[in-house]
Amino acid sequence: MSTFRVKFKNKKFVKERVELDGHSYEHCDFVGCLIVLEKGETEIVGGTFKDCRLMLVGQALRIAKILQNFIGEKPLRVMDFAEPGIFGEKKTLATEDTEITEK
């Protein structure tokens, strides 16, 4: 169960400044919005982002700068350690272009 006090469900945001922190978004659509993230205290389930810009400030910006040192110009692959199989019998190692599975 979500601990967010402000929850949006099936809402469409158009050309708005949307501050994600402290809010939960379930199956919401964002079109032409400025999406602002500072602490990462948000929940987004489903939904779409079209022609939006992401502005990171504060803690989120500091984390993005650290990540940039690791990934350089490569695309970022996000892993959720709660996903099944991440720590299971088979271990998947992600490389730049391929995945290698160890037995």
Protein backbone atom coordinates (compact mmCIF):
# COMPACT_ATOMS: atom_id res chain seq x y z
CA MET A 1 0.00 0.00 0.00
CA SER A 2 1.27 3.44 -0.94
CA THR A 3 2.22 5.95 1.76
CA PHE A 4 1.72 8.98 -0.50
CA ARG A 5 -0.96 11.39 0.64
CA VAL A 6 -1.46 12.93 -2.82
CA LYS A 7 -2.42 10.34 -5.42
CA PHE A 8 -3.37 10.83 -9.04
CA LYS A 9 -5.03 8.09 -11.06
CA ASN A 10 -5.91 8.14 -14.78
CA LYS A 11 -5.20 11.88 -14.99
CA LYS A 12 -3.84 13.67 -18.04
CA PHE A 13 -1.39 16.52 -17.46
CA VAL A 14 -0.92 18.86 -20.44
CA LYS A 15 1.71 21.62 -20.62
CA GLU A 16 2.08 21.81 -16.86
CA ARG A 17 4.95 21.92 -14.39
CA VAL A 18 4.57 18.66 -12.47
CA GLU A 19 6.58 18.16 -9.27
CA LEU A 20 6.83 14.42 -8.70
CA ASP A 21 8.11 14.34 -5.11
CA GLY A 22 5.53 13.40 -2.52
CA HIS A 23 2.99 12.22 -5.07
CA SER A 24 1.84 8.94 -6.57
CA TYR A 25 0.83 8.67 -10.25
CA GLU A 26 -1.07 5.63 -11.51
CA HIS A 27 -1.77 5.35 -15.24
CA CYS A 28 -1.37 9.08 -15.78
CA ASP A 29 -0.39 10.68 -19.07
CA PHE A 30 1.97 13.65 -19.34
CA VAL A 31 2.06 15.71 -22.55
CA GLY A 32 4.42 18.65 -23.06
CA CYS A 33 5.10 18.93 -19.34
CA LEU A 34 8.09 20.05 -17.32
CA ILE A 35 8.65 17.15 -14.91
CA VAL A 36 10.56 18.17 -11.75
CA LEU A 37 12.26 15.67 -9.45
CA GLU A 38 14.28 16.58 -6.37
CA LYS A 39 14.34 13.70 -3.87
CA GLY A 40 12.92 10.76 -5.78
CA GLU A 41 10.10 10.32 -3.28
CA THR A 42 7.48 9.41 -5.84
CA GLU A 43 5.70 6.44 -7.33
CA ILE A 44 4.84 6.14 -11.02
CA VAL A 45 2.88 3.11 -12.24
CA GLY A 46 2.03 2.85 -15.93
CA GLY A 47 1.20 5.98 -17.88
CA THR A 48 3.07 7.77 -20.64
CA PHE A 49 5.36 10.76 -21.14
CA LYS A 50 5.20 12.55 -24.51
CA ASP A 51 7.29 15.60 -25.40
CA CYS A 52 8.16 16.22 -21.74
CA ARG A 53 11.31 17.66 -20.21
CA LEU A 54 12.82 16.31 -17.00
CA MET A 55 14.40 18.78 -14.59
CA LEU A 56 16.48 17.28 -11.81
CA VAL A 57 17.28 19.50 -8.83
CA GLY A 58 18.88 19.02 -5.43
CA GLN A 59 19.57 15.42 -4.46
CA ALA A 60 18.30 14.01 -7.78
CA LEU A 61 20.72 16.25 -9.71
CA ARG A 62 23.65 15.17 -7.53
CA ILE A 63 22.79 11.50 -8.12
CA ALA A 64 22.46 12.10 -11.88
CA LYS A 65 25.94 13.69 -11.96
CA ILE A 66 27.41 10.68 -10.13
CA LEU A 67 25.66 8.30 -12.54
CA GLN A 68 27.03 10.26 -15.48
CA ASN A 69 30.55 9.36 -14.32
CA PHE A 70 29.65 5.68 -14.59
CA ILE A 71 27.75 5.69 -17.85
CA GLY A 72 29.36 8.53 -19.79
CA GLU A 73 27.48 8.86 -23.07
CA LYS A 74 26.01 5.34 -22.94
CA PRO A 75 22.27 4.87 -22.44
CA LEU A 76 21.32 4.21 -18.84
CA ARG A 77 19.87 0.80 -17.99
CA VAL A 78 17.80 0.88 -14.82
CA MET A 79 17.65 -2.31 -12.75
CA ASP A 80 15.10 -2.96 -10.05
CA PHE A 81 16.69 -5.22 -7.45
CA ALA A 82 13.22 -6.34 -6.38
CA GLU A 83 12.70 -8.00 -9.79
CA PRO A 84 12.58 -11.80 -9.75
CA GLY A 85 15.78 -13.42 -10.95
CA ILE A 86 18.13 -10.59 -10.01
CA PHE A 87 19.60 -12.64 -7.16
CA GLY A 88 18.25 -16.05 -8.25
CA GLU A 89 20.07 -19.15 -9.46
CA LYS A 90 21.18 -17.59 -12.72
CA LYS A 91 23.11 -14.38 -12.64
CA THR A 92 22.81 -11.99 -15.60
CA LEU A 93 25.68 -9.64 -16.21
CA ALA A 94 24.80 -6.60 -18.30
CA THR A 95 27.42 -5.36 -20.70
CA GLU A 96 27.29 -2.46 -23.09
CA ASP A 97 25.82 -4.45 -25.99
CA THR A 98 25.04 -7.94 -24.70
CA GLU A 99 23.89 -9.87 -21.68
CA ILE A 100 25.92 -12.81 -20.39
CA THR A 101 24.21 -15.47 -18.32
CA GLU A 102 26.27 -17.46 -15.82
CA LYS A 103 25.16 -20.89 -14.62
